[in-house]
Protein backbone atom coordinates (compact mmCIF):
# COMPACT_ATOMS: atom_id res chain seq x y z
CA MET A 1 74.95 -68.71 48.65
CA ILE A 2 72.81 -70.13 51.45
CA VAL A 3 69.68 -68.43 52.75
CA VAL A 4 68.81 -69.45 56.30
CA PHE A 5 65.15 -68.74 57.05
CA ASP A 6 62.33 -69.48 59.51
CA ALA A 7 60.33 -72.30 57.89
CA GLN A 8 57.35 -71.70 60.20
CA CYS A 9 56.98 -68.06 59.17
CA LEU A 10 54.60 -67.44 56.27
CA LEU A 11 56.44 -64.23 55.31
CA CYS A 12 59.75 -66.10 55.22
CA ASN A 13 58.21 -68.91 53.18
CA GLY A 14 56.87 -66.33 50.74
CA TRP A 15 60.38 -64.87 50.43
CA VAL A 16 61.80 -68.33 49.66
CA GLN A 17 59.07 -68.95 47.06
CA PHE A 18 59.91 -65.58 45.48
CA LEU A 19 63.60 -66.54 45.32
CA LEU A 20 62.85 -69.94 43.82
CA ARG A 21 60.78 -68.28 41.07
CA HIS A 22 63.34 -65.58 40.25
CA ASP A 23 66.68 -67.33 40.82
CA ARG A 24 67.08 -68.46 37.22
CA LYS A 25 70.77 -69.34 37.68
CA GLY A 26 70.12 -71.51 40.75
CA VAL A 27 72.54 -69.47 42.88
CA PHE A 28 70.74 -69.97 46.19
CA ARG A 29 70.46 -72.92 48.51
CA PHE A 30 68.16 -72.85 51.51
CA ALA A 31 68.25 -74.08 55.10
CA SER A 32 65.56 -73.59 57.70
CA ILE A 33 66.53 -72.44 61.18
CA GLN A 34 64.63 -75.45 62.47
CA SER A 35 66.94 -77.92 60.68
CA GLU A 36 70.25 -79.24 62.01
CA VAL A 37 72.05 -77.67 59.05
CA GLY A 38 70.38 -74.32 59.68
CA GLN A 39 71.24 -74.41 63.37
CA ALA A 40 74.87 -75.24 62.56
CA LEU A 41 75.03 -72.33 60.09
CA LEU A 42 73.55 -69.98 62.68
CA ALA A 43 76.08 -71.12 65.28
CA GLN A 44 78.88 -70.64 62.74
CA ALA A 45 77.66 -67.04 62.26
CA GLY A 46 77.48 -66.54 66.05
CA LEU A 47 73.68 -66.41 66.20
CA ALA A 48 71.31 -68.21 68.58
CA VAL A 49 68.20 -69.91 67.24
CA ASP A 50 65.99 -68.86 70.16
CA GLY A 51 64.32 -65.55 69.45
CA LEU A 52 66.05 -65.19 66.08
CA GLN A 53 64.48 -62.39 64.07
CA THR A 54 66.66 -62.17 61.01
CA LEU A 55 67.27 -63.60 57.62
CA LEU A 56 70.81 -64.91 57.31
CA LEU A 57 72.71 -65.03 54.04
CA ILE A 58 75.96 -67.00 53.92
CA ASP A 59 78.35 -66.70 51.01
CA GLY A 60 81.53 -68.63 51.67
CA LYS A 61 83.10 -67.23 54.84
CA HIS A 62 80.95 -64.08 54.79
CA SER A 63 77.48 -63.68 56.24
CA TRP A 64 74.91 -60.91 56.24
CA GLN A 65 71.76 -60.25 58.23
CA HIS A 66 68.75 -57.96 58.13
CA THR A 67 68.53 -55.50 55.22
CA GLY A 68 72.12 -56.21 54.21
CA ALA A 69 71.14 -59.81 53.47
CA ILE A 70 68.06 -58.74 51.52
CA PHE A 71 70.00 -56.31 49.32
CA ARG A 72 72.71 -58.87 48.61
CA VAL A 73 70.12 -61.49 47.68
CA LEU A 74 68.25 -59.12 45.38
CA GLY A 75 71.53 -58.01 43.82
CA ALA A 76 72.44 -61.62 43.07
CA LEU A 77 69.13 -62.14 41.26
CA GLY A 78 70.19 -59.71 38.56
CA TRP A 79 68.01 -57.31 36.59
CA PRO A 80 65.53 -55.81 37.59
CA TRP A 81 65.98 -56.85 41.23
CA ARG A 82 69.50 -55.44 41.32
CA LEU A 83 67.89 -51.98 41.37
CA ALA A 84 67.21 -52.61 45.07
CA TRP A 85 70.85 -51.69 45.68
CA ILE A 86 69.63 -48.10 45.65
CA GLY A 87 68.31 -48.95 49.13
CA TRP A 88 71.92 -48.87 50.36
CA LEU A 89 71.61 -45.08 50.15
CA VAL A 90 69.25 -45.23 53.13
CA PRO A 91 71.39 -45.35 56.29
CA VAL A 92 71.43 -48.69 58.09
CA GLN A 93 70.25 -46.86 61.25
CA LEU A 94 66.93 -46.29 59.44
CA ARG A 95 66.68 -49.50 57.39
CA ASP A 96 67.37 -52.09 60.06
CA PRO A 97 64.94 -50.76 62.71
CA LEU A 98 62.14 -51.06 60.13
CA TYR A 99 63.31 -54.58 59.35
CA HIS A 100 63.31 -55.44 63.07
CA LEU A 101 59.78 -54.07 63.50
CA LEU A 102 58.51 -56.27 60.69
CA ALA A 103 60.50 -59.30 61.90
CA ARG A 104 59.19 -58.95 65.46
CA ASN A 105 55.59 -58.89 64.23
CA ARG A 106 55.86 -61.33 61.33
CA TYR A 107 53.81 -64.10 62.94
CA ARG A 108 51.04 -61.75 64.01
CA VAL A 109 50.80 -59.99 60.65
CA PHE A 110 51.53 -62.81 58.18
CA GLY A 111 50.81 -65.95 60.21
CA ARG A 112 52.71 -68.99 61.37
CA LEU A 113 52.73 -72.63 60.39
CA GLU A 114 52.54 -75.21 63.16
CA GLN A 115 54.99 -77.40 61.24
CA CYS A 116 57.77 -76.42 58.88
CA ALA A 117 56.65 -76.11 55.28
CA MET A 118 57.98 -78.75 52.91
CA PRO A 119 59.79 -77.47 49.81
CA PRO A 120 58.18 -78.09 46.43
CA ALA A 121 59.33 -81.42 44.98
CA ASP A 122 60.98 -79.85 41.92
CA TYR A 123 63.14 -77.62 44.17
CA ARG A 124 63.88 -80.06 46.99
CA ILE A 125 67.51 -80.52 45.91
CA ARG A 126 68.19 -76.84 46.68
CA PHE A 127 67.23 -77.30 50.36
CA LEU A 128 69.88 -78.40 52.82
CA GLU A 129 68.62 -80.73 55.51
């Protein structure tokens, strides 16, 4: 499974750090939207880099965005994170607009790095460049 994220976004970087800490099986690989690999994965999913406001999860030929990606990621982490699947009970018409509101304001609320953050040395192999 590949998580494509905005490496300049502090919220997104926090999410990646969370996944690195809790992904005990090493299921996830990561690609920033700023990298060539990330841009190729976005294009493959039919998404443009400019103005992108979503997390993208790719698992083989399937991809998910927004809250669908978050729930799939949390489900793959196992217990207790799998409990987040209960969020699927909330209709997507309610979940995704909240996601979009947060995504649109992520730089203002959480901050932005001028340069992409470098992955920790002990996890560098899990990042696609």
